[in-house]
Amino acid sequence: MEYNENLPKGLGREPVYCWGHKNVPKQVGITSYTLSPNRSRPMAHAFHRAIFNTFRRSKAQFLYVVPPFVVAWLLMSWANQR
């Protein structure tokens, strides 16, 4: 639909305004409110995500923590046998 300023006034007819037209009248009296999902349910899925996030982070550190403990245990067992 195009803007047509030659439409006759009255009888409930007004010009058709399309998006992007320069003379579109301002909207007045329309107010909308929104609430972000983080504000409405801040703890949604917190426990579920905590379990899996802890597992993921621990799995990522496994090779940094376990081999030194294994080496230390083997050294201690060797030292105790001697």
C-alpha atoms as a PDB file:
ATOM      1  CA  MET A   1       0.000   0.000   0.000  1.00  0.00           C
ATOM      2  CA  GLU A   2       1.351   3.391  -0.898  1.00  0.00           C
ATOM      3  CA  TYR A   3       0.805   6.730   0.725  1.00  0.00           C
ATOM      4  CA  ASN A   4      -1.880   8.608  -1.129  1.00  0.00           C
ATOM      5  CA  GLU A   5      -2.415  12.206  -0.064  1.00  0.00           C
ATOM      6  CA  ASN A   6      -5.116  12.745  -2.672  1.00  0.00           C
ATOM      7  CA  LEU A   7      -7.735  10.700  -0.806  1.00  0.00           C
ATOM      8  CA  PRO A   8     -10.746  12.804   0.057  1.00  0.00           C
ATOM      9  CA  LYS A   9     -10.997  13.875   3.699  1.00  0.00           C
ATOM     10  CA  GLY A  10     -14.029  13.056   5.765  1.00  0.00           C
ATOM     11  CA  LEU A  11     -16.325  10.027   5.785  1.00  0.00           C
ATOM     12  CA  GLY A  12     -13.807   8.225   8.017  1.00  0.00           C
ATOM     13  CA  ARG A  13     -11.168   8.146   5.310  1.00  0.00           C
ATOM     14  CA  GLU A  14      -7.656   9.287   6.049  1.00  0.00           C
ATOM     15  CA  PRO A  15      -4.454   9.043   4.059  1.00  0.00           C
ATOM     16  CA  VAL A  16      -2.697   5.684   4.284  1.00  0.00           C
ATOM     17  CA  TYR A  17       0.692   6.003   5.961  1.00  0.00           C
ATOM     18  CA  CYS A  18       3.339   3.389   5.291  1.00  0.00           C
ATOM     19  CA  TRP A  19       6.365   2.549   7.364  1.00  0.00           C
ATOM     20  CA  GLY A  20       9.236   4.909   6.652  1.00  0.00           C
ATOM     21  CA  HIS A  21       7.116   7.786   5.446  1.00  0.00           C
ATOM     22  CA  LYS A  22       8.318  11.192   6.651  1.00  0.00           C
ATOM     23  CA  ASN A  23       4.942  12.571   7.710  1.00  0.00           C
ATOM     24  CA  VAL A  24       3.736   9.668   9.831  1.00  0.00           C
ATOM     25  CA  PRO A  25       2.011  11.106  12.915  1.00  0.00           C
ATOM     26  CA  LYS A  26       3.471  10.238  16.321  1.00  0.00           C
ATOM     27  CA  GLN A  27       1.738   7.540  18.304  1.00  0.00           C
ATOM     28  CA  VAL A  28       0.234   8.915  21.465  1.00  0.00           C
ATOM     29  CA  GLY A  29      -1.201   7.026  24.409  1.00  0.00           C
ATOM     30  CA  ILE A  30       0.414   3.668  23.659  1.00  0.00           C
ATOM     31  CA  THR A  31       2.540   2.395  26.506  1.00  0.00           C
ATOM     32  CA  SER A  32       4.048  -1.061  26.685  1.00  0.00           C
ATOM     33  CA  TYR A  33       5.970  -2.624  29.523  1.00  0.00           C
ATOM     34  CA  THR A  34       8.219  -5.651  29.357  1.00  0.00           C
ATOM     35  CA  LEU A  35      10.024  -7.678  31.958  1.00  0.00           C
ATOM     36  CA  SER A  36      13.214  -9.508  31.112  1.00  0.00           C
ATOM     37  CA  PRO A  37      13.337 -13.251  31.847  1.00  0.00           C
ATOM     38  CA  ASN A  38      16.226 -12.690  34.266  1.00  0.00           C
ATOM     39  CA  ARG A  39      14.121 -10.342  36.372  1.00  0.00           C
ATOM     40  CA  SER A  40      11.064 -12.571  36.440  1.00  0.00           C
ATOM     41  CA  ARG A  41      12.825 -15.861  37.303  1.00  0.00           C
ATOM     42  CA  PRO A  42      16.387 -15.187  38.441  1.00  0.00           C
ATOM     43  CA  MET A  43      16.916 -18.708  39.844  1.00  0.00           C
ATOM     44  CA  ALA A  44      15.332 -20.605  36.950  1.00  0.00           C
ATOM     45  CA  HIS A  45      17.267 -23.838  36.336  1.00  0.00           C
ATOM     46  CA  ALA A  46      19.995 -22.705  38.749  1.00  0.00           C
ATOM     47  CA  PHE A  47      20.472 -26.079  40.470  1.00  0.00           C
ATOM     48  CA  HIS A  48      20.344 -28.067  37.232  1.00  0.00           C
ATOM     49  CA  ARG A  49      22.901 -25.800  35.603  1.00  0.00           C
ATOM     50  CA  ALA A  50      25.094 -25.765  38.716  1.00  0.00           C
ATOM     51  CA  ILE A  51      25.448 -29.554  38.670  1.00  0.00           C
ATOM     52  CA  PHE A  52      26.358 -29.775  35.001  1.00  0.00           C
ATOM     53  CA  ASN A  53      28.562 -26.673  35.074  1.00  0.00           C
ATOM     54  CA  THR A  54      30.496 -28.090  38.041  1.00  0.00           C
ATOM     55  CA  PHE A  55      30.948 -31.380  36.183  1.00  0.00           C
ATOM     56  CA  ARG A  56      32.130 -29.583  33.040  1.00  0.00           C
ATOM     57  CA  ARG A  57      34.626 -27.438  34.924  1.00  0.00           C
ATOM     58  CA  SER A  58      35.943 -30.382  36.946  1.00  0.00           C
ATOM     59  CA  LYS A  59      36.352 -32.451  33.793  1.00  0.00           C
ATOM     60  CA  ALA A  60      38.384 -29.640  32.250  1.00  0.00           C
ATOM     61  CA  GLN A  61      40.782 -29.615  35.247  1.00  0.00           C
ATOM     62  CA  PHE A  62      41.090 -33.399  35.566  1.00  0.00           C
ATOM     63  CA  LEU A  63      44.473 -33.718  33.827  1.00  0.00           C
ATOM     64  CA  TYR A  64      45.935 -30.870  35.883  1.00  0.00           C
ATOM     65  CA  VAL A  65      44.958 -32.341  39.256  1.00  0.00           C
ATOM     66  CA  VAL A  66      44.928 -36.157  39.059  1.00  0.00           C
ATOM     67  CA  PRO A  67      48.418 -36.958  37.634  1.00  0.00           C
ATOM     68  CA  PRO A  68      50.299 -35.032  40.367  1.00  0.00           C
ATOM     69  CA  PHE A  69      48.236 -36.823  43.031  1.00  0.00           C
ATOM     70  CA  VAL A  70      48.984 -40.208  41.422  1.00  0.00           C
ATOM     71  CA  VAL A  71      52.696 -39.412  41.293  1.00  0.00           C
ATOM     72  CA  ALA A  72      52.652 -38.249  44.926  1.00  0.00           C
ATOM     73  CA  TRP A  73      50.833 -41.421  46.006  1.00  0.00           C
ATOM     74  CA  LEU A  74      53.304 -43.638  44.137  1.00  0.00           C
ATOM     75  CA  LEU A  75      56.239 -41.777  45.716  1.00  0.00           C
ATOM     76  CA  MET A  76      54.726 -42.100  49.197  1.00  0.00           C
ATOM     77  CA  SER A  77      54.055 -45.809  48.769  1.00  0.00           C
ATOM     78  CA  TRP A  78      57.641 -46.322  47.466  1.00  0.00           C
ATOM     79  CA  ALA A  79      59.050 -44.325  50.401  1.00  0.00           C
ATOM     80  CA  ASN A  80      57.012 -46.287  52.951  1.00  0.00           C
ATOM     81  CA  GLN A  81      58.229 -49.616  51.516  1.00  0.00           C
ATOM     82  CA  ARG A  82      61.868 -48.546  51.760  1.00  0.00           C
END
